[in-house]
Structure formats: C-alpha cells, structure tokens
C-alpha cells in the first residue's frame, strides 16, 4: 500500500474525526493561518501538520516521515460553560488520538507523545476558546520492497563458501 501524499493522511483524519464526533461538531477541516479574520462555525476541529522530521525506518524501503500534528479544538465564547467544555472537547479528542491510525493501517505508526493544552486560536469578533491536542506519528510514503507480500521474520546468515541449499545447517539465525 502507498500513502501517496500527505493529503491522503489529512483526508483520513478528517473522515475519522467526523465519524467519531460528527454529531457534536459543525466544522472539521484543515487549520489555516489566515482564518483568524473569518467566522468559523463552532464547535470546530481544525487539523494542522506542523512539522516533518525523519521517522523510524520500517525496514521495507518506504520513506518514514515523523509528522507532528495538532488538532485545534475551538468553541465559541457564547458556549455555556465554555471554560470546562473546551477542556472536555480536547479530552475527547485526546482519547480518540491515543490509538488512532485513522483507517490507514500500516501506512502510519501509532501516535506518540500526545499532549493537550490551552490554545491561542481566537478568530472572529465574538472570540473563541481553544485547546489543542498534539501528537507525533510516523507516516510511511512510497511502496514497500515486499510488494504487499509476506515480510520475513526470521533471518539467517551464511558465510561463503558454505552457502546454498547444501549448507542449510551451517546458517546462523540472527533474528526471530
């Protein structure tokens, strides 16, 4: 399988959060830095890819990108009990992220280094309260050298000239 590009990951995240929180959210979309002057229908979850570093090698030829994602949980100041409700919103997102692969299976690793805290996102004239949920996740790009086949789990090492079918007993197992 091939993730193709980061749009594939973003679209999967949007689908995931909509499927789990749709009844409670008016907006699930990409975070835009220019949105501070626009009205956003709340409750809103705005997804942002903040940074890309080198990820952990999966050992199958795919490129591993260590992506730092942030989900901005945004509520209008007009929400009753907005101070605690925005925290509840962030806690719900935190719980969803903990084991989320967003329907992408082996195209992504498990989320790690999950954190949450008060946000600084305050668009519109009436203002909003926000909290963020941030996490890191490896995203694997490109095709596996195994071509969707079986990945070997046992590796044995042989030394020349004692290699080949006649020397199966001479091999040393190096992994299991």
C-alpha atoms as a PDB file:
ATOM      1  CA  UNK A   1       0.000   0.000   0.000  1.00  0.00           C
ATOM      2  CA  UNK A   2       1.102   3.538  -0.685  1.00  0.00           C
ATOM      3  CA  UNK A   3       0.010   6.628   1.260  1.00  0.00           C
ATOM      4  CA  UNK A   4       0.573   8.625  -1.919  1.00  0.00           C
ATOM      5  CA  UNK A   5       0.901  12.002  -0.259  1.00  0.00           C
ATOM      6  CA  UNK A   6       0.044  13.871   2.913  1.00  0.00           C
ATOM      7  CA  UNK A   7      -3.385  14.782   1.520  1.00  0.00           C
ATOM      8  CA  UNK A   8      -4.293  11.108   1.879  1.00  0.00           C
ATOM      9  CA  UNK A   9      -3.396  11.299   5.583  1.00  0.00           C
ATOM     10  CA  UNK A  10      -5.262  14.582   6.099  1.00  0.00           C
ATOM     11  CA  UNK A  11      -8.398  13.284   4.353  1.00  0.00           C
ATOM     12  CA  UNK A  12      -8.299  10.132   6.503  1.00  0.00           C
ATOM     13  CA  UNK A  13      -8.003  12.227   9.670  1.00  0.00           C
ATOM     14  CA  UNK A  14     -10.986  14.374   8.647  1.00  0.00           C
ATOM     15  CA  UNK A  15     -13.080  11.243   7.931  1.00  0.00           C
ATOM     16  CA  UNK A  16     -12.024   9.689  11.249  1.00  0.00           C
ATOM     17  CA  UNK A  17     -12.910  12.695  13.395  1.00  0.00           C
ATOM     18  CA  UNK A  18     -16.171  13.280  11.521  1.00  0.00           C
ATOM     19  CA  UNK A  19     -17.186   9.663  12.027  1.00  0.00           C
ATOM     20  CA  UNK A  20     -16.478   9.823  15.769  1.00  0.00           C
ATOM     21  CA  UNK A  21     -17.545  13.392  16.587  1.00  0.00           C
ATOM     22  CA  UNK A  22     -19.812  14.478  13.720  1.00  0.00           C
ATOM     23  CA  UNK A  23     -22.931  14.844  15.858  1.00  0.00           C
ATOM     24  CA  UNK A  24     -21.049  17.281  18.098  1.00  0.00           C
ATOM     25  CA  UNK A  25     -19.087  19.309  15.513  1.00  0.00           C
ATOM     26  CA  UNK A  26     -20.045  21.937  12.951  1.00  0.00           C
ATOM     27  CA  UNK A  27     -16.597  22.125  11.344  1.00  0.00           C
ATOM     28  CA  UNK A  28     -13.793  19.613  10.731  1.00  0.00           C
ATOM     29  CA  UNK A  29     -11.189  20.899   8.298  1.00  0.00           C
ATOM     30  CA  UNK A  30      -7.588  21.943   7.788  1.00  0.00           C
ATOM     31  CA  UNK A  31      -6.204  24.666  10.001  1.00  0.00           C
ATOM     32  CA  UNK A  32      -5.460  27.830   8.036  1.00  0.00           C
ATOM     33  CA  UNK A  33      -3.246  30.546   9.443  1.00  0.00           C
ATOM     34  CA  UNK A  34      -5.300  33.158   7.561  1.00  0.00           C
ATOM     35  CA  UNK A  35      -8.564  32.072   9.239  1.00  0.00           C
ATOM     36  CA  UNK A  36      -8.142  34.433  12.194  1.00  0.00           C
ATOM     37  CA  UNK A  37     -10.219  37.094  10.426  1.00  0.00           C
ATOM     38  CA  UNK A  38     -13.001  34.738   9.344  1.00  0.00           C
ATOM     39  CA  UNK A  39     -16.054  33.357  11.059  1.00  0.00           C
ATOM     40  CA  UNK A  40     -15.767  29.668  11.855  1.00  0.00           C
ATOM     41  CA  UNK A  41     -18.802  27.598  12.710  1.00  0.00           C
ATOM     42  CA  UNK A  42     -18.179  26.076  16.119  1.00  0.00           C
ATOM     43  CA  UNK A  43     -17.704  23.606  17.639  1.00  0.00           C
ATOM     44  CA  UNK A  44     -14.753  23.212  15.278  1.00  0.00           C
ATOM     45  CA  UNK A  45     -11.827  20.834  14.997  1.00  0.00           C
ATOM     46  CA  UNK A  46      -9.037  22.256  12.858  1.00  0.00           C
ATOM     47  CA  UNK A  47      -6.253  19.874  11.849  1.00  0.00           C
ATOM     48  CA  UNK A  48      -2.702  21.062  11.286  1.00  0.00           C
ATOM     49  CA  UNK A  49       0.529  19.408  10.186  1.00  0.00           C
ATOM     50  CA  UNK A  50       3.146  21.498  11.967  1.00  0.00           C
ATOM     51  CA  UNK A  51       6.447  19.784  11.280  1.00  0.00           C
ATOM     52  CA  UNK A  52       8.037  16.873   9.439  1.00  0.00           C
ATOM     53  CA  UNK A  53      11.203  15.134  10.628  1.00  0.00           C
ATOM     54  CA  UNK A  54      12.853  11.873   9.688  1.00  0.00           C
ATOM     55  CA  UNK A  55      10.838   8.938  11.015  1.00  0.00           C
ATOM     56  CA  UNK A  56      11.773   5.441  12.143  1.00  0.00           C
ATOM     57  CA  UNK A  57      12.750   3.145   9.294  1.00  0.00           C
ATOM     58  CA  UNK A  58      10.158   0.407   8.782  1.00  0.00           C
ATOM     59  CA  UNK A  59      12.786  -1.755   7.063  1.00  0.00           C
ATOM     60  CA  UNK A  60      10.749  -2.180   3.913  1.00  0.00           C
ATOM     61  CA  UNK A  61      12.080   0.567   1.646  1.00  0.00           C
ATOM     62  CA  UNK A  62       9.362   3.122   2.367  1.00  0.00           C
ATOM     63  CA  UNK A  63      10.333   6.636   3.464  1.00  0.00           C
ATOM     64  CA  UNK A  64       9.363   7.299   7.075  1.00  0.00           C
ATOM     65  CA  UNK A  65       8.233  10.837   7.879  1.00  0.00           C
ATOM     66  CA  UNK A  66       7.843  11.751  11.560  1.00  0.00           C
ATOM     67  CA  UNK A  67       4.870  14.125  11.406  1.00  0.00           C
ATOM     68  CA  UNK A  68       3.824  16.463  14.202  1.00  0.00           C
ATOM     69  CA  UNK A  69       0.069  17.005  14.055  1.00  0.00           C
ATOM     70  CA  UNK A  70      -2.157  19.374  16.036  1.00  0.00           C
ATOM     71  CA  UNK A  71      -5.918  19.282  16.396  1.00  0.00           C
ATOM     72  CA  UNK A  72      -7.279  22.683  17.448  1.00  0.00           C
ATOM     73  CA  UNK A  73     -10.493  22.267  19.472  1.00  0.00           C
ATOM     74  CA  UNK A  74     -12.447  25.528  19.116  1.00  0.00           C
ATOM     75  CA  UNK A  75     -15.643  26.654  20.871  1.00  0.00           C
ATOM     76  CA  UNK A  76     -17.432  29.990  20.724  1.00  0.00           C
ATOM     77  CA  UNK A  77     -17.264  32.154  23.835  1.00  0.00           C
ATOM     78  CA  UNK A  78     -21.075  32.021  23.704  1.00  0.00           C
ATOM     79  CA  UNK A  79     -20.992  28.294  24.592  1.00  0.00           C
ATOM     80  CA  UNK A  80     -22.438  27.791  28.106  1.00  0.00           C
ATOM     81  CA  UNK A  81     -19.599  26.835  30.466  1.00  0.00           C
ATOM     82  CA  UNK A  82     -17.072  27.341  27.668  1.00  0.00           C
ATOM     83  CA  UNK A  83     -14.056  27.066  30.013  1.00  0.00           C
ATOM     84  CA  UNK A  84     -14.787  23.463  31.024  1.00  0.00           C
ATOM     85  CA  UNK A  85     -16.487  22.465  27.767  1.00  0.00           C
ATOM     86  CA  UNK A  86     -13.405  23.261  25.674  1.00  0.00           C
ATOM     87  CA  UNK A  87     -11.355  21.079  28.025  1.00  0.00           C
ATOM     88  CA  UNK A  88     -13.896  18.256  27.708  1.00  0.00           C
ATOM     89  CA  UNK A  89     -13.695  18.638  23.925  1.00  0.00           C
ATOM     90  CA  UNK A  90      -9.888  18.361  23.999  1.00  0.00           C
ATOM     91  CA  UNK A  91     -10.074  15.348  26.332  1.00  0.00           C
ATOM     92  CA  UNK A  92     -12.435  13.582  23.910  1.00  0.00           C
ATOM     93  CA  UNK A  93     -10.063  14.256  21.006  1.00  0.00           C
ATOM     94  CA  UNK A  94      -7.080  13.133  23.118  1.00  0.00           C
ATOM     95  CA  UNK A  95      -8.799   9.816  23.844  1.00  0.00           C
ATOM     96  CA  UNK A  96      -9.555   9.273  20.145  1.00  0.00           C
ATOM     97  CA  UNK A  97      -5.973  10.040  19.070  1.00  0.00           C
ATOM     98  CA  UNK A  98      -4.374   7.606  21.557  1.00  0.00           C
ATOM     99  CA  UNK A  99      -4.525   4.579  19.243  1.00  0.00           C
ATOM    100  CA  UNK A 100      -5.704   6.153  16.002  1.00  0.00           C
ATOM    101  CA  UNK A 101      -4.305   5.037  12.702  1.00  0.00           C
ATOM    102  CA  UNK A 102      -7.170   6.908  11.005  1.00  0.00           C
ATOM    103  CA  UNK A 103      -8.130   3.917   8.888  1.00  0.00           C
ATOM    104  CA  UNK A 104      -4.707   3.892   7.201  1.00  0.00           C
ATOM    105  CA  UNK A 105      -3.441   0.641   8.749  1.00  0.00           C
ATOM    106  CA  UNK A 106       0.256   0.049   8.123  1.00  0.00           C
ATOM    107  CA  UNK A 107       0.661   3.374   6.291  1.00  0.00           C
ATOM    108  CA  UNK A 108       1.110   5.081   9.664  1.00  0.00           C
ATOM    109  CA  UNK A 109       2.578   4.171  13.041  1.00  0.00           C
ATOM    110  CA  UNK A 110       0.878   4.537  16.388  1.00  0.00           C
ATOM    111  CA  UNK A 111       0.514   8.098  17.705  1.00  0.00           C
ATOM    112  CA  UNK A 112       3.137   9.056  20.288  1.00  0.00           C
ATOM    113  CA  UNK A 113       3.992  11.989  22.561  1.00  0.00           C
ATOM    114  CA  UNK A 114       0.337  13.054  22.804  1.00  0.00           C
ATOM    115  CA  UNK A 115      -0.187  16.317  24.669  1.00  0.00           C
ATOM    116  CA  UNK A 116      -3.010  18.807  25.186  1.00  0.00           C
ATOM    117  CA  UNK A 117      -3.183  22.361  26.466  1.00  0.00           C
ATOM    118  CA  UNK A 118      -4.738  25.794  26.093  1.00  0.00           C
ATOM    119  CA  UNK A 119      -4.656  27.168  22.561  1.00  0.00           C
ATOM    120  CA  UNK A 120      -4.162  30.629  21.200  1.00  0.00           C
ATOM    121  CA  UNK A 121      -6.626  30.334  18.320  1.00  0.00           C
ATOM    122  CA  UNK A 122      -9.151  33.179  18.752  1.00  0.00           C
ATOM    123  CA  UNK A 123     -10.856  34.050  15.442  1.00  0.00           C
ATOM    124  CA  UNK A 124     -13.852  36.314  14.876  1.00  0.00           C
ATOM    125  CA  UNK A 125     -15.270  39.338  16.674  1.00  0.00           C
ATOM    126  CA  UNK A 126     -17.038  37.382  19.435  1.00  0.00           C
ATOM    127  CA  UNK A 127     -13.943  35.328  20.118  1.00  0.00           C
ATOM    128  CA  UNK A 128     -13.412  31.692  20.863  1.00  0.00           C
ATOM    129  CA  UNK A 129     -11.815  29.486  23.425  1.00  0.00           C
ATOM    130  CA  UNK A 130      -9.492  26.772  22.193  1.00  0.00           C
ATOM    131  CA  UNK A 131      -7.398  23.905  23.382  1.00  0.00           C
ATOM    132  CA  UNK A 132      -5.050  21.843  21.273  1.00  0.00           C
ATOM    133  CA  UNK A 133      -4.208  18.150  21.107  1.00  0.00           C
ATOM    134  CA  UNK A 134      -0.781  17.485  19.584  1.00  0.00           C
ATOM    135  CA  UNK A 135       0.895  14.208  18.664  1.00  0.00           C
ATOM    136  CA  UNK A 136       3.686  12.731  16.598  1.00  0.00           C
ATOM    137  CA  UNK A 137       3.120   9.912  14.161  1.00  0.00           C
ATOM    138  CA  UNK A 138       5.254   8.150  11.582  1.00  0.00           C
ATOM    139  CA  UNK A 139       3.793   8.244   8.071  1.00  0.00           C
ATOM    140  CA  UNK A 140       5.251   5.790   5.559  1.00  0.00           C
ATOM    141  CA  UNK A 141       5.483   7.001   1.971  1.00  0.00           C
ATOM    142  CA  UNK A 142       6.249   5.001  -1.150  1.00  0.00           C
ATOM    143  CA  UNK A 143       5.993   1.335  -1.988  1.00  0.00           C
ATOM    144  CA  UNK A 144       7.223  -1.485   0.204  1.00  0.00           C
ATOM    145  CA  UNK A 145      10.006  -3.556  -1.347  1.00  0.00           C
ATOM    146  CA  UNK A 146       7.943  -6.560  -0.289  1.00  0.00           C
ATOM    147  CA  UNK A 147       5.183  -5.524  -2.711  1.00  0.00           C
ATOM    148  CA  UNK A 148       2.402  -6.383  -0.323  1.00  0.00           C
ATOM    149  CA  UNK A 149       3.856  -9.856   0.173  1.00  0.00           C
ATOM    150  CA  UNK A 150       4.941 -11.561   3.327  1.00  0.00           C
ATOM    151  CA  UNK A 151       7.652  -9.747   5.273  1.00  0.00           C
ATOM    152  CA  UNK A 152      10.262 -12.212   6.598  1.00  0.00           C
ATOM    153  CA  UNK A 153      10.535 -12.530  10.370  1.00  0.00           C
ATOM    154  CA  UNK A 154      13.419 -14.989  10.554  1.00  0.00           C
ATOM    155  CA  UNK A 155      16.745 -14.011   9.035  1.00  0.00           C
ATOM    156  CA  UNK A 156      19.673 -16.415   8.800  1.00  0.00           C
ATOM    157  CA  UNK A 157      23.262 -15.598   7.927  1.00  0.00           C
ATOM    158  CA  UNK A 158      25.658 -17.787   5.989  1.00  0.00           C
ATOM    159  CA  UNK A 159      29.371 -17.375   5.238  1.00  0.00           C
ATOM    160  CA  UNK A 160      30.997 -18.072   1.872  1.00  0.00           C
ATOM    161  CA  UNK A 161      31.761 -20.647   0.662  1.00  0.00           C
ATOM    162  CA  UNK A 162      29.357 -22.577   2.966  1.00  0.00           C
ATOM    163  CA  UNK A 163      26.120 -21.202   1.459  1.00  0.00           C
ATOM    164  CA  UNK A 164      23.257 -22.603  -0.588  1.00  0.00           C
ATOM    165  CA  UNK A 165      20.833 -25.492  -0.214  1.00  0.00           C
ATOM    166  CA  UNK A 166      23.563 -27.970   0.661  1.00  0.00           C
ATOM    167  CA  UNK A 167      24.599 -25.864   3.668  1.00  0.00           C
ATOM    168  CA  UNK A 168      21.232 -25.105   5.307  1.00  0.00           C
ATOM    169  CA  UNK A 169      22.532 -26.393   8.647  1.00  0.00           C
ATOM    170  CA  UNK A 170      25.532 -24.044   8.512  1.00  0.00           C
ATOM    171  CA  UNK A 171      23.422 -20.864   8.633  1.00  0.00           C
ATOM    172  CA  UNK A 172      23.244 -18.830  11.835  1.00  0.00           C
ATOM    173  CA  UNK A 173      19.859 -17.338  12.830  1.00  0.00           C
ATOM    174  CA  UNK A 174      20.211 -13.600  13.547  1.00  0.00           C
ATOM    175  CA  UNK A 175      16.522 -12.603  14.124  1.00  0.00           C
ATOM    176  CA  UNK A 176      13.225 -14.158  15.027  1.00  0.00           C
END
